[in-house]
């Protein structure tokens, strides 16, 4: 499992760099929101294949591909809730709240990602 965690973190770093590079590229021709959505969608596709190959070493399937966005939804929900709690409940500053909340979301995102990518044991 530690190899999977290391792969997940590495793929996450690559995915973030790809997203940001695409965002900057698309920003030269598109409004920022369109650039964000397009870069996010393309980087999510790349993340799926990188996680399949390097993190979980499984064959990509349509089922896994269609379920993979759940990993991003869970990350978004936890990060958003975390930012709210850090800023409005704990009254901490908003400058680093997204970084702290994102760090808290990584374990849940990893678990959801494993659930999507790895085969289920036979019942």
PDB file of N, CA and C in Angstrom:
ATOM      1  N   UNK A   1       0.821  -1.195   0.000  1.00  0.00           N
ATOM      2  CA  UNK A   1       0.000   0.000   0.000  1.00  0.00           C
ATOM      3  C   UNK A   1       0.863   1.256   0.000  1.00  0.00           C
ATOM      4  N   UNK A   2       2.040   1.238   0.626  1.00  0.00           N
ATOM      5  CA  UNK A   2       2.882   2.442   0.650  1.00  0.00           C
ATOM      6  C   UNK A   2       3.338   2.819  -0.755  1.00  0.00           C
ATOM      7  N   UNK A   3       3.528   1.818  -1.640  1.00  0.00           N
ATOM      8  CA  UNK A   3       3.872   2.109  -3.024  1.00  0.00           C
ATOM      9  C   UNK A   3       2.713   2.822  -3.711  1.00  0.00           C
ATOM     10  N   UNK A   4       1.503   2.394  -3.402  1.00  0.00           N
ATOM     11  CA  UNK A   4       0.327   3.050  -3.974  1.00  0.00           C
ATOM     12  C   UNK A   4       0.200   4.489  -3.477  1.00  0.00           C
ATOM     13  N   UNK A   5       0.465   4.714  -2.219  1.00  0.00           N
ATOM     14  CA  UNK A   5       0.382   6.073  -1.676  1.00  0.00           C
ATOM     15  C   UNK A   5       1.427   6.960  -2.353  1.00  0.00           C
ATOM     16  N   UNK A   6       2.655   6.444  -2.478  1.00  0.00           N
ATOM     17  CA  UNK A   6       3.713   7.226  -3.141  1.00  0.00           C
ATOM     18  C   UNK A   6       3.333   7.511  -4.592  1.00  0.00           C
ATOM     19  N   UNK A   7       2.794   6.519  -5.280  1.00  0.00           N
ATOM     20  CA  UNK A   7       2.353   6.716  -6.665  1.00  0.00           C
ATOM     21  C   UNK A   7       1.228   7.724  -6.753  1.00  0.00           C
ATOM     22  N   UNK A   8       0.304   7.654  -5.818  1.00  0.00           N
ATOM     23  CA  UNK A   8      -0.826   8.588  -5.783  1.00  0.00           C
ATOM     24  C   UNK A   8      -0.342  10.020  -5.606  1.00  0.00           C
ATOM     25  N   UNK A   9       0.595  10.224  -4.701  1.00  0.00           N
ATOM     26  CA  UNK A   9       1.143  11.565  -4.455  1.00  0.00           C
ATOM     27  C   UNK A   9       1.913  12.056  -5.680  1.00  0.00           C
ATOM     28  N   UNK A  10       2.714  11.180  -6.281  1.00  0.00           N
ATOM     29  CA  UNK A  10       3.480  11.556  -7.474  1.00  0.00           C
ATOM     30  C   UNK A  10       2.552  11.906  -8.635  1.00  0.00           C
ATOM     31  N   UNK A  11       1.565  11.072  -8.886  1.00  0.00           N
ATOM     32  CA  UNK A  11       0.599  11.349  -9.953  1.00  0.00           C
ATOM     33  C   UNK A  11      -0.154  12.647  -9.662  1.00  0.00           C
ATOM     34  N   UNK A  12      -0.491  12.885  -8.400  1.00  0.00           N
ATOM     35  CA  UNK A  12      -1.156  14.135  -8.027  1.00  0.00           C
ATOM     36  C   UNK A  12      -0.305  15.351  -8.343  1.00  0.00           C
ATOM     37  N   UNK A  13       0.985  15.246  -8.085  1.00  0.00           N
ATOM     38  CA  UNK A  13       1.892  16.345  -8.403  1.00  0.00           C
ATOM     39  C   UNK A  13       1.986  16.592  -9.901  1.00  0.00           C
ATOM     40  N   UNK A  14       2.125  15.501 -10.654  1.00  0.00           N
ATOM     41  CA  UNK A  14       2.174  15.617 -12.118  1.00  0.00           C
ATOM     42  C   UNK A  14       0.861  16.183 -12.635  1.00  0.00           C
ATOM     43  N   UNK A  15      -0.245  15.680 -12.108  1.00  0.00           N
ATOM     44  CA  UNK A  15      -1.562  16.148 -12.536  1.00  0.00           C
ATOM     45  C   UNK A  15      -1.743  17.643 -12.269  1.00  0.00           C
ATOM     46  N   UNK A  16      -1.293  18.092 -11.129  1.00  0.00           N
ATOM     47  CA  UNK A  16      -1.393  19.518 -10.801  1.00  0.00           C
ATOM     48  C   UNK A  16      -0.574  20.360 -11.780  1.00  0.00           C
ATOM     49  N   UNK A  17       0.630  19.897 -12.088  1.00  0.00           N
ATOM     50  CA  UNK A  17       1.483  20.622 -13.037  1.00  0.00           C
ATOM     51  C   UNK A  17       0.860  20.642 -14.436  1.00  0.00           C
ATOM     52  N   UNK A  18       0.291  19.509 -14.861  1.00  0.00           N
ATOM     53  CA  UNK A  18      -0.364  19.438 -16.172  1.00  0.00           C
ATOM     54  C   UNK A  18      -1.561  20.381 -16.203  1.00  0.00           C
ATOM     55  N   UNK A  19      -2.381  20.324 -15.148  1.00  0.00           N
ATOM     56  CA  UNK A  19      -3.547  21.216 -15.081  1.00  0.00           C
ATOM     57  C   UNK A  19      -3.104  22.675 -15.222  1.00  0.00           C
ATOM     58  N   UNK A  20      -2.122  23.066 -14.451  1.00  0.00           N
ATOM     59  CA  UNK A  20      -1.721  24.472 -14.440  1.00  0.00           C
ATOM     60  C   UNK A  20      -1.121  24.890 -15.776  1.00  0.00           C
ATOM     61  N   UNK A  21      -0.314  24.004 -16.366  1.00  0.00           N
ATOM     62  CA  UNK A  21       0.248  24.306 -17.686  1.00  0.00           C
ATOM     63  C   UNK A  21      -0.834  24.458 -18.740  1.00  0.00           C
ATOM     64  N   UNK A  22      -1.812  23.555 -18.742  1.00  0.00           N
ATOM     65  CA  UNK A  22      -2.931  23.655 -19.686  1.00  0.00           C
ATOM     66  C   UNK A  22      -3.764  24.903 -19.424  1.00  0.00           C
ATOM     67  N   UNK A  23      -3.993  25.199 -18.157  1.00  0.00           N
ATOM     68  CA  UNK A  23      -4.755  26.391 -17.798  1.00  0.00           C
ATOM     69  C   UNK A  23      -4.085  27.642 -18.365  1.00  0.00           C
ATOM     70  N   UNK A  24      -2.781  27.760 -18.157  1.00  0.00           N
ATOM     71  CA  UNK A  24      -2.056  28.926 -18.675  1.00  0.00           C
ATOM     72  C   UNK A  24      -2.095  28.973 -20.197  1.00  0.00           C
ATOM     73  N   UNK A  25      -1.969  27.813 -20.838  1.00  0.00           N
ATOM     74  CA  UNK A  25      -2.037  27.746 -22.298  1.00  0.00           C
ATOM     75  C   UNK A  25      -3.415  28.172 -22.800  1.00  0.00           C
ATOM     76  N   UNK A  26      -4.468  27.607 -22.231  1.00  0.00           N
ATOM     77  CA  UNK A  26      -5.824  27.931 -22.668  1.00  0.00           C
ATOM     78  C   UNK A  26      -6.205  29.375 -22.337  1.00  0.00           C
ATOM     79  N   UNK A  27      -5.597  29.905 -21.293  1.00  0.00           N
ATOM     80  CA  UNK A  27      -5.890  31.265 -20.872  1.00  0.00           C
ATOM     81  C   UNK A  27      -5.476  32.288 -21.932  1.00  0.00           C
ATOM     82  N   UNK A  28      -4.567  31.906 -22.817  1.00  0.00           N
ATOM     83  CA  UNK A  28      -4.148  32.833 -23.883  1.00  0.00           C
ATOM     84  C   UNK A  28      -5.249  33.016 -24.922  1.00  0.00           C
ATOM     85  N   UNK A  29      -6.202  32.090 -24.986  1.00  0.00           N
ATOM     86  CA  UNK A  29      -7.266  32.152 -26.003  1.00  0.00           C
ATOM     87  C   UNK A  29      -8.684  32.120 -25.453  1.00  0.00           C
ATOM     88  N   UNK A  30      -8.829  31.720 -24.194  1.00  0.00           N
ATOM     89  CA  UNK A  30     -10.167  31.521 -23.623  1.00  0.00           C
ATOM     90  C   UNK A  30     -10.346  32.365 -22.362  1.00  0.00           C
ATOM     91  N   UNK A  31     -11.603  32.643 -21.995  1.00  0.00           N
ATOM     92  CA  UNK A  31     -11.849  33.263 -20.687  1.00  0.00           C
ATOM     93  C   UNK A  31     -11.365  32.322 -19.575  1.00  0.00           C
ATOM     94  N   UNK A  32     -11.037  32.884 -18.412  1.00  0.00           N
ATOM     95  CA  UNK A  32     -10.417  32.083 -17.356  1.00  0.00           C
ATOM     96  C   UNK A  32     -11.269  30.893 -16.922  1.00  0.00           C
ATOM     97  N   UNK A  33     -12.582  31.040 -16.857  1.00  0.00           N
ATOM     98  CA  UNK A  33     -13.431  29.936 -16.410  1.00  0.00           C
ATOM     99  C   UNK A  33     -13.430  28.797 -17.432  1.00  0.00           C
ATOM    100  N   UNK A  34     -13.504  29.123 -18.712  1.00  0.00           N
ATOM    101  CA  UNK A  34     -13.434  28.093 -19.753  1.00  0.00           C
ATOM    102  C   UNK A  34     -12.067  27.417 -19.733  1.00  0.00           C
ATOM    103  N   UNK A  35     -11.013  28.201 -19.530  1.00  0.00           N
ATOM    104  CA  UNK A  35      -9.658  27.639 -19.450  1.00  0.00           C
ATOM    105  C   UNK A  35      -9.557  26.677 -18.267  1.00  0.00           C
ATOM    106  N   UNK A  36     -10.135  27.058 -17.141  1.00  0.00           N
ATOM    107  CA  UNK A  36     -10.118  26.212 -15.943  1.00  0.00           C
ATOM    108  C   UNK A  36     -10.851  24.895 -16.183  1.00  0.00           C
ATOM    109  N   UNK A  37     -12.075  24.979 -16.716  1.00  0.00           N
ATOM    110  CA  UNK A  37     -12.887  23.774 -16.917  1.00  0.00           C
ATOM    111  C   UNK A  37     -12.217  22.829 -17.907  1.00  0.00           C
ATOM    112  N   UNK A  38     -11.736  23.360 -19.013  1.00  0.00           N
ATOM    113  CA  UNK A  38     -11.085  22.515 -20.024  1.00  0.00           C
ATOM    114  C   UNK A  38      -9.803  21.891 -19.473  1.00  0.00           C
ATOM    115  N   UNK A  39      -8.979  22.676 -18.800  1.00  0.00           N
ATOM    116  CA  UNK A  39      -7.740  22.156 -18.225  1.00  0.00           C
ATOM    117  C   UNK A  39      -8.048  21.111 -17.151  1.00  0.00           C
ATOM    118  N   UNK A  40      -9.069  21.352 -16.340  1.00  0.00           N
ATOM    119  CA  UNK A  40      -9.460  20.416 -15.291  1.00  0.00           C
ATOM    120  C   UNK A  40      -9.907  19.087 -15.900  1.00  0.00           C
ATOM    121  N   UNK A  41     -10.759  19.153 -16.915  1.00  0.00           N
ATOM    122  CA  UNK A  41     -11.275  17.935 -17.551  1.00  0.00           C
ATOM    123  C   UNK A  41     -10.139  17.132 -18.188  1.00  0.00           C
ATOM    124  N   UNK A  42      -9.266  17.797 -18.916  1.00  0.00           N
ATOM    125  CA  UNK A  42      -8.163  17.094 -19.564  1.00  0.00           C
ATOM    126  C   UNK A  42      -7.180  16.519 -18.553  1.00  0.00           C
ATOM    127  N   UNK A  43      -6.906  17.262 -17.495  1.00  0.00           N
ATOM    128  CA  UNK A  43      -5.977  16.741 -16.496  1.00  0.00           C
ATOM    129  C   UNK A  43      -6.598  15.577 -15.723  1.00  0.00           C
ATOM    130  N   UNK A  44      -7.922  15.586 -15.564  1.00  0.00           N
ATOM    131  CA  UNK A  44      -8.585  14.474 -14.897  1.00  0.00           C
ATOM    132  C   UNK A  44      -8.480  13.203 -15.744  1.00  0.00           C
ATOM    133  N   UNK A  45      -8.597  13.334 -17.049  1.00  0.00           N
ATOM    134  CA  UNK A  45      -8.430  12.179 -17.943  1.00  0.00           C
ATOM    135  C   UNK A  45      -7.003  11.642 -17.815  1.00  0.00           C
ATOM    136  N   UNK A  46      -6.042  12.558 -17.855  1.00  0.00           N
ATOM    137  CA  UNK A  46      -4.645  12.143 -17.690  1.00  0.00           C
ATOM    138  C   UNK A  46      -4.410  11.487 -16.345  1.00  0.00           C
ATOM    139  N   UNK A  47      -5.003  12.044 -15.294  1.00  0.00           N
ATOM    140  CA  UNK A  47      -4.858  11.487 -13.959  1.00  0.00           C
ATOM    141  C   UNK A  47      -5.409  10.066 -13.885  1.00  0.00           C
ATOM    142  N   UNK A  48      -6.530   9.833 -14.536  1.00  0.00           N
ATOM    143  CA  UNK A  48      -7.113   8.494 -14.553  1.00  0.00           C
ATOM    144  C   UNK A  48      -6.116   7.486 -15.119  1.00  0.00           C
ATOM    145  N   UNK A  49      -5.568   7.780 -16.289  1.00  0.00           N
ATOM    146  CA  UNK A  49      -4.656   6.837 -16.927  1.00  0.00           C
ATOM    147  C   UNK A  49      -3.342   6.697 -16.161  1.00  0.00           C
ATOM    148  N   UNK A  50      -2.819   7.784 -15.611  1.00  0.00           N
ATOM    149  CA  UNK A  50      -1.593   7.692 -14.817  1.00  0.00           C
ATOM    150  C   UNK A  50      -1.818   6.882 -13.544  1.00  0.00           C
ATOM    151  N   UNK A  51      -2.960   7.097 -12.879  1.00  0.00           N
ATOM    152  CA  UNK A  51      -3.257   6.316 -11.675  1.00  0.00           C
ATOM    153  C   UNK A  51      -3.471   4.844 -12.008  1.00  0.00           C
ATOM    154  N   UNK A  52      -4.149   4.576 -13.112  1.00  0.00           N
ATOM    155  CA  UNK A  52      -4.356   3.180 -13.509  1.00  0.00           C
ATOM    156  C   UNK A  52      -3.012   2.492 -13.742  1.00  0.00           C
ATOM    157  N   UNK A  53      -2.129   3.163 -14.459  1.00  0.00           N
ATOM    158  CA  UNK A  53      -0.851   2.555 -14.850  1.00  0.00           C
ATOM    159  C   UNK A  53       0.160   2.507 -13.712  1.00  0.00           C
ATOM    160  N   UNK A  54       0.379   3.640 -13.048  1.00  0.00           N
ATOM    161  CA  UNK A  54       1.489   3.740 -12.110  1.00  0.00           C
ATOM    162  C   UNK A  54       1.112   3.580 -10.643  1.00  0.00           C
ATOM    163  N   UNK A  55      -0.074   4.008 -10.257  1.00  0.00           N
ATOM    164  CA  UNK A  55      -0.456   3.920  -8.847  1.00  0.00           C
ATOM    165  C   UNK A  55      -1.033   2.550  -8.522  1.00  0.00           C
ATOM    166  N   UNK A  56      -2.020   2.114  -9.314  1.00  0.00           N
ATOM    167  CA  UNK A  56      -2.737   0.876  -8.992  1.00  0.00           C
ATOM    168  C   UNK A  56      -2.387  -0.297  -9.894  1.00  0.00           C
ATOM    169  N   UNK A  57      -1.690  -0.005 -10.990  1.00  0.00           N
ATOM    170  CA  UNK A  57      -1.257  -1.060 -11.931  1.00  0.00           C
ATOM    171  C   UNK A  57      -2.427  -1.960 -12.347  1.00  0.00           C
ATOM    172  N   UNK A  58      -3.469  -1.297 -12.813  1.00  0.00           N
ATOM    173  CA  UNK A  58      -4.661  -2.006 -13.292  1.00  0.00           C
ATOM    174  C   UNK A  58      -4.946  -1.573 -14.723  1.00  0.00           C
ATOM    175  N   UNK A  59      -5.714  -2.398 -15.401  1.00  0.00           N
ATOM    176  CA  UNK A  59      -6.124  -2.074 -16.762  1.00  0.00           C
ATOM    177  C   UNK A  59      -7.266  -1.061 -16.704  1.00  0.00           C
ATOM    178  N   UNK A  60      -7.152   0.033 -17.447  1.00  0.00           N
ATOM    179  CA  UNK A  60      -8.262   0.998 -17.466  1.00  0.00           C
ATOM    180  C   UNK A  60      -9.491   0.385 -18.146  1.00  0.00           C
ATOM    181  N   UNK A  61     -10.643   0.661 -17.586  1.00  0.00           N
ATOM    182  CA  UNK A  61     -11.897   0.200 -18.187  1.00  0.00           C
ATOM    183  C   UNK A  61     -12.848   1.388 -18.268  1.00  0.00           C
ATOM    184  N   UNK A  62     -13.886   1.256 -19.072  1.00  0.00           N
ATOM    185  CA  UNK A  62     -14.884   2.323 -19.164  1.00  0.00           C
ATOM    186  C   UNK A  62     -15.573   2.547 -17.824  1.00  0.00           C
ATOM    187  N   UNK A  63     -15.866   1.481 -17.107  1.00  0.00           N
ATOM    188  CA  UNK A  63     -16.533   1.599 -15.808  1.00  0.00           C
ATOM    189  C   UNK A  63     -15.683   2.435 -14.856  1.00  0.00           C
ATOM    190  N   UNK A  64     -14.395   2.105 -14.762  1.00  0.00           N
ATOM    191  CA  UNK A  64     -13.494   2.862 -13.896  1.00  0.00           C
ATOM    192  C   UNK A  64     -13.380   4.307 -14.367  1.00  0.00           C
ATOM    193  N   UNK A  65     -13.306   4.490 -15.671  1.00  0.00           N
ATOM    194  CA  UNK A  65     -13.181   5.835 -16.233  1.00  0.00           C
ATOM    195  C   UNK A  65     -14.394   6.692 -15.880  1.00  0.00           C
ATOM    196  N   UNK A  66     -15.581   6.098 -15.961  1.00  0.00           N
ATOM    197  CA  UNK A  66     -16.809   6.839 -15.669  1.00  0.00           C
ATOM    198  C   UNK A  66     -16.989   7.096 -14.171  1.00  0.00           C
ATOM    199  N   UNK A  67     -16.424   6.240 -13.321  1.00  0.00           N
ATOM    200  CA  UNK A  67     -16.517   6.439 -11.872  1.00  0.00           C
ATOM    201  C   UNK A  67     -15.414   7.349 -11.331  1.00  0.00           C
ATOM    202  N   UNK A  68     -14.340   7.506 -12.089  1.00  0.00           N
ATOM    203  CA  UNK A  68     -13.172   8.250 -11.604  1.00  0.00           C
ATOM    204  C   UNK A  68     -13.490   9.684 -11.169  1.00  0.00           C
ATOM    205  N   UNK A  69     -14.391  10.403 -11.824  1.00  0.00           N
ATOM    206  CA  UNK A  69     -14.696  11.758 -11.349  1.00  0.00           C
ATOM    207  C   UNK A  69     -15.179  11.815  -9.894  1.00  0.00           C
ATOM    208  N   UNK A  70     -15.647  10.697  -9.332  1.00  0.00           N
ATOM    209  CA  UNK A  70     -16.033  10.670  -7.919  1.00  0.00           C
ATOM    210  C   UNK A  70     -14.858  11.056  -7.024  1.00  0.00           C
ATOM    211  N   UNK A  71     -13.637  10.731  -7.447  1.00  0.00           N
ATOM    212  CA  UNK A  71     -12.467  11.088  -6.641  1.00  0.00           C
ATOM    213  C   UNK A  71     -12.333  12.602  -6.556  1.00  0.00           C
ATOM    214  N   UNK A  72     -12.629  13.290  -7.651  1.00  0.00           N
ATOM    215  CA  UNK A  72     -12.537  14.752  -7.653  1.00  0.00           C
ATOM    216  C   UNK A  72     -13.690  15.395  -6.901  1.00  0.00           C
ATOM    217  N   UNK A  73     -14.867  14.788  -6.978  1.00  0.00           N
ATOM    218  CA  UNK A  73     -16.018  15.303  -6.237  1.00  0.00           C
ATOM    219  C   UNK A  73     -15.753  15.207  -4.736  1.00  0.00           C
ATOM    220  N   UNK A  74     -15.245  14.065  -4.298  1.00  0.00           N
ATOM    221  CA  UNK A  74     -14.968  13.909  -2.870  1.00  0.00           C
ATOM    222  C   UNK A  74     -13.906  14.913  -2.423  1.00  0.00           C
ATOM    223  N   UNK A  75     -12.878  15.100  -3.232  1.00  0.00           N
ATOM    224  CA  UNK A  75     -11.830  16.068  -2.909  1.00  0.00           C
ATOM    225  C   UNK A  75     -12.421  17.473  -2.796  1.00  0.00           C
ATOM    226  N   UNK A  76     -13.247  17.849  -3.761  1.00  0.00           N
ATOM    227  CA  UNK A  76     -13.861  19.178  -3.760  1.00  0.00           C
ATOM    228  C   UNK A  76     -14.731  19.394  -2.531  1.00  0.00           C
ATOM    229  N   UNK A  77     -15.568  18.417  -2.206  1.00  0.00           N
ATOM    230  CA  UNK A  77     -16.469  18.561  -1.069  1.00  0.00           C
ATOM    231  C   UNK A  77     -15.711  18.676   0.252  1.00  0.00           C
ATOM    232  N   UNK A  78     -14.717  17.838   0.438  1.00  0.00           N
ATOM    233  CA  UNK A  78     -13.945  17.870   1.682  1.00  0.00           C
ATOM    234  C   UNK A  78     -13.131  19.156   1.777  1.00  0.00           C
ATOM    235  N   UNK A  79     -12.525  19.561   0.678  1.00  0.00           N
ATOM    236  CA  UNK A  79     -11.738  20.795   0.685  1.00  0.00           C
ATOM    237  C   UNK A  79     -12.622  22.005   0.967  1.00  0.00           C
ATOM    238  N   UNK A  80     -13.785  22.056   0.337  1.00  0.00           N
ATOM    239  CA  UNK A  80     -14.694  23.177   0.553  1.00  0.00           C
ATOM    240  C   UNK A  80     -15.175  23.219   2.000  1.00  0.00           C
ATOM    241  N   UNK A  81     -15.577  22.088   2.536  1.00  0.00           N
ATOM    242  CA  UNK A  81     -16.000  22.032   3.936  1.00  0.00           C
ATOM    243  C   UNK A  81     -14.843  22.400   4.862  1.00  0.00           C
ATOM    244  N   UNK A  82     -13.654  21.925   4.540  1.00  0.00           N
ATOM    245  CA  UNK A  82     -12.483  22.235   5.358  1.00  0.00           C
ATOM    246  C   UNK A  82     -12.165  23.713   5.383  1.00  0.00           C
ATOM    247  N   UNK A  83     -12.244  24.361   4.230  1.00  0.00           N
ATOM    248  CA  UNK A  83     -11.993  25.808   4.177  1.00  0.00           C
ATOM    249  C   UNK A  83     -13.014  26.545   5.042  1.00  0.00           C
ATOM    250  N   UNK A  84     -14.263  26.153   4.938  1.00  0.00           N
ATOM    251  CA  UNK A  84     -15.305  26.785   5.750  1.00  0.00           C
ATOM    252  C   UNK A  84     -15.002  26.626   7.249  1.00  0.00           C
ATOM    253  N   UNK A  85     -14.684  25.404   7.659  1.00  0.00           N
ATOM    254  CA  UNK A  85     -14.410  25.154   9.076  1.00  0.00           C
ATOM    255  C   UNK A  85     -13.193  25.950   9.543  1.00  0.00           C
ATOM    256  N   UNK A  86     -12.136  25.946   8.768  1.00  0.00           N
ATOM    257  CA  UNK A  86     -10.914  26.653   9.156  1.00  0.00           C
ATOM    258  C   UNK A  86     -11.151  28.152   9.276  1.00  0.00           C
ATOM    259  N   UNK A  87     -11.854  28.723   8.298  1.00  0.00           N
ATOM    260  CA  UNK A  87     -12.033  30.178   8.279  1.00  0.00           C
ATOM    261  C   UNK A  87     -13.178  30.625   9.180  1.00  0.00           C
ATOM    262  N   UNK A  88     -14.355  30.035   9.049  1.00  0.00           N
ATOM    263  CA  UNK A  88     -15.541  30.539   9.764  1.00  0.00           C
ATOM    264  C   UNK A  88     -15.760  29.943  11.147  1.00  0.00           C
ATOM    265  N   UNK A  89     -15.343  28.716  11.353  1.00  0.00           N
ATOM    266  CA  UNK A  89     -15.562  28.087  12.663  1.00  0.00           C
ATOM    267  C   UNK A  89     -14.348  28.295  13.565  1.00  0.00           C
ATOM    268  N   UNK A  90     -13.153  28.018  13.019  1.00  0.00           N
ATOM    269  CA  UNK A  90     -11.934  28.152  13.830  1.00  0.00           C
ATOM    270  C   UNK A  90     -11.367  29.573  13.807  1.00  0.00           C
ATOM    271  N   UNK A  91     -11.896  30.402  12.916  1.00  0.00           N
ATOM    272  CA  UNK A  91     -11.463  31.794  12.780  1.00  0.00           C
ATOM    273  C   UNK A  91      -9.968  31.924  12.491  1.00  0.00           C
ATOM    274  N   UNK A  92      -9.448  30.980  11.730  1.00  0.00           N
ATOM    275  CA  UNK A  92      -8.062  31.056  11.275  1.00  0.00           C
ATOM    276  C   UNK A  92      -8.057  31.857   9.972  1.00  0.00           C
ATOM    277  N   UNK A  93      -6.907  32.264   9.532  1.00  0.00           N
ATOM    278  CA  UNK A  93      -6.810  33.054   8.308  1.00  0.00           C
ATOM    279  C   UNK A  93      -7.203  32.266   7.084  1.00  0.00           C
ATOM    280  N   UNK A  94      -7.612  32.984   6.069  1.00  0.00           N
ATOM    281  CA  UNK A  94      -8.046  32.346   4.829  1.00  0.00           C
ATOM    282  C   UNK A  94      -6.895  32.092   3.858  1.00  0.00           C
ATOM    283  N   UNK A  95      -5.743  32.663   4.111  1.00  0.00           N
ATOM    284  CA  UNK A  95      -4.625  32.558   3.168  1.00  0.00           C
ATOM    285  C   UNK A  95      -4.159  31.114   2.971  1.00  0.00           C
ATOM    286  N   UNK A  96      -4.004  30.363   4.052  1.00  0.00           N
ATOM    287  CA  UNK A  96      -3.507  28.994   3.958  1.00  0.00           C
ATOM    288  C   UNK A  96      -4.596  27.939   4.160  1.00  0.00           C
ATOM    289  N   UNK A  97      -5.828  28.377   4.350  1.00  0.00           N
ATOM    290  CA  UNK A  97      -6.929  27.440   4.587  1.00  0.00           C
ATOM    291  C   UNK A  97      -7.078  26.403   3.464  1.00  0.00           C
ATOM    292  N   UNK A  98      -6.995  26.801   2.180  1.00  0.00           N
ATOM    293  CA  UNK A  98      -7.137  25.784   1.132  1.00  0.00           C
ATOM    294  C   UNK A  98      -6.030  24.721   1.159  1.00  0.00           C
ATOM    295  N   UNK A  99      -4.815  25.125   1.531  1.00  0.00           N
ATOM    296  CA  UNK A  99      -3.720  24.149   1.607  1.00  0.00           C
ATOM    297  C   UNK A  99      -3.957  23.147   2.728  1.00  0.00           C
ATOM    298  N   UNK A 100      -4.388  23.643   3.879  1.00  0.00           N
ATOM    299  CA  UNK A 100      -4.681  22.746   5.003  1.00  0.00           C
ATOM    300  C   UNK A 100      -5.851  21.823   4.678  1.00  0.00           C
ATOM    301  N   UNK A 101      -6.882  22.381   4.092  1.00  0.00           N
ATOM    302  CA  UNK A 101      -8.062  21.574   3.751  1.00  0.00           C
ATOM    303  C   UNK A 101      -7.718  20.541   2.685  1.00  0.00           C
ATOM    304  N   UNK A 102      -6.891  20.910   1.723  1.00  0.00           N
ATOM    305  CA  UNK A 102      -6.484  19.968   0.676  1.00  0.00           C
ATOM    306  C   UNK A 102      -5.683  18.819   1.267  1.00  0.00           C
ATOM    307  N   UNK A 103      -4.814  19.137   2.206  1.00  0.00           N
ATOM    308  CA  UNK A 103      -4.031  18.084   2.856  1.00  0.00           C
ATOM    309  C   UNK A 103      -4.949  17.106   3.587  1.00  0.00           C
ATOM    310  N   UNK A 104      -5.994  17.628   4.188  1.00  0.00           N
ATOM    311  CA  UNK A 104      -6.953  16.763   4.892  1.00  0.00           C
ATOM    312  C   UNK A 104      -7.742  15.900   3.915  1.00  0.00           C
ATOM    313  N   UNK A 105      -7.929  16.373   2.694  1.00  0.00           N
ATOM    314  CA  UNK A 105      -8.726  15.634   1.709  1.00  0.00           C
ATOM    315  C   UNK A 105      -7.945  14.499   1.039  1.00  0.00           C
ATOM    316  N   UNK A 106      -6.633  14.557   1.067  1.00  0.00           N
ATOM    317  CA  UNK A 106      -5.822  13.556   0.352  1.00  0.00           C
ATOM    318  C   UNK A 106      -6.135  12.131   0.789  1.00  0.00           C
ATOM    319  N   UNK A 107      -6.204  11.818   2.092  1.00  0.00           N
ATOM    320  CA  UNK A 107      -6.505  10.421   2.463  1.00  0.00           C
ATOM    321  C   UNK A 107      -7.863   9.933   1.956  1.00  0.00           C
ATOM    322  N   UNK A 108      -8.876  10.785   2.030  1.00  0.00           N
ATOM    323  CA  UNK A 108     -10.209  10.378   1.555  1.00  0.00           C
ATOM    324  C   UNK A 108     -10.188  10.198   0.039  1.00  0.00           C
ATOM    325  N   UNK A 109      -9.529  11.097  -0.653  1.00  0.00           N
ATOM    326  CA  UNK A 109      -9.427  10.986  -2.106  1.00  0.00           C
ATOM    327  C   UNK A 109      -8.703   9.700  -2.487  1.00  0.00           C
ATOM    328  N   UNK A 110      -7.678   9.346  -1.739  1.00  0.00           N
ATOM    329  CA  UNK A 110      -6.948   8.100  -1.992  1.00  0.00           C
ATOM    330  C   UNK A 110      -7.864   6.888  -1.809  1.00  0.00           C
ATOM    331  N   UNK A 111      -8.646   6.880  -0.743  1.00  0.00           N
ATOM    332  CA  UNK A 111      -9.561   5.753  -0.484  1.00  0.00           C
ATOM    333  C   UNK A 111     -10.607   5.638  -1.593  1.00  0.00           C
ATOM    334  N   UNK A 112     -11.184   6.750  -1.996  1.00  0.00           N
ATOM    335  CA  UNK A 112     -12.180   6.727  -3.078  1.00  0.00           C
ATOM    336  C   UNK A 112     -11.524   6.274  -4.379  1.00  0.00           C
ATOM    337  N   UNK A 113     -10.333   6.743  -4.627  1.00  0.00           N
ATOM    338  CA  UNK A 113      -9.603   6.352  -5.831  1.00  0.00           C
ATOM    339  C   UNK A 113      -9.329   4.843  -5.842  1.00  0.00           C
ATOM    340  N   UNK A 114      -8.913   4.301  -4.704  1.00  0.00           N
ATOM    341  CA  UNK A 114      -8.682   2.840  -4.608  1.00  0.00           C
ATOM    342  C   UNK A 114      -9.976   2.080  -4.872  1.00  0.00           C
ATOM    343  N   UNK A 115     -11.084   2.567  -4.315  1.00  0.00           N
ATOM    344  CA  UNK A 115     -12.376   1.910  -4.496  1.00  0.00           C
ATOM    345  C   UNK A 115     -12.761   1.875  -5.977  1.00  0.00           C
ATOM    346  N   UNK A 116     -12.491   2.960  -6.684  1.00  0.00           N
ATOM    347  CA  UNK A 116     -12.832   3.041  -8.107  1.00  0.00           C
ATOM    348  C   UNK A 116     -11.899   2.162  -8.936  1.00  0.00           C
ATOM    349  N   UNK A 117     -10.616   2.207  -8.652  1.00  0.00           N
ATOM    350  CA  UNK A 117      -9.623   1.610  -9.538  1.00  0.00           C
ATOM    351  C   UNK A 117      -9.361   0.128  -9.318  1.00  0.00           C
ATOM    352  N   UNK A 118      -9.467  -0.343  -8.090  1.00  0.00           N
ATOM    353  CA  UNK A 118      -9.099  -1.730  -7.814  1.00  0.00           C
ATOM    354  C   UNK A 118     -10.309  -2.653  -7.909  1.00  0.00           C
ATOM    355  N   UNK A 119     -10.077  -3.880  -8.350  1.00  0.00           N
ATOM    356  CA  UNK A 119     -11.198  -4.832  -8.460  1.00  0.00           C
ATOM    357  C   UNK A 119     -11.731  -5.207  -7.078  1.00  0.00           C
ATOM    358  N   UNK A 120     -13.009  -5.530  -7.037  1.00  0.00           N
ATOM    359  CA  UNK A 120     -13.652  -5.958  -5.788  1.00  0.00           C
ATOM    360  C   UNK A 120     -13.388  -7.446  -5.579  1.00  0.00           C
ATOM    361  N   UNK A 121     -13.222  -7.853  -4.333  1.00  0.00           N
ATOM    362  CA  UNK A 121     -13.089  -9.294  -4.072  1.00  0.00           C
ATOM    363  C   UNK A 121     -14.402 -10.008  -4.417  1.00  0.00           C
ATOM    364  N   UNK A 122     -14.272 -11.204  -4.903  1.00  0.00           N
ATOM    365  CA  UNK A 122     -15.462 -12.001  -5.245  1.00  0.00           C
ATOM    366  C   UNK A 122     -16.227 -12.347  -3.977  1.00  0.00           C
ATOM    367  N   UNK A 123     -17.558 -12.238  -4.068  1.00  0.00           N
ATOM    368  CA  UNK A 123     -18.397 -12.510  -2.892  1.00  0.00           C
ATOM    369  C   UNK A 123     -18.671 -13.978  -2.745  1.00  0.00           C
TER     370      UNK A 123
END
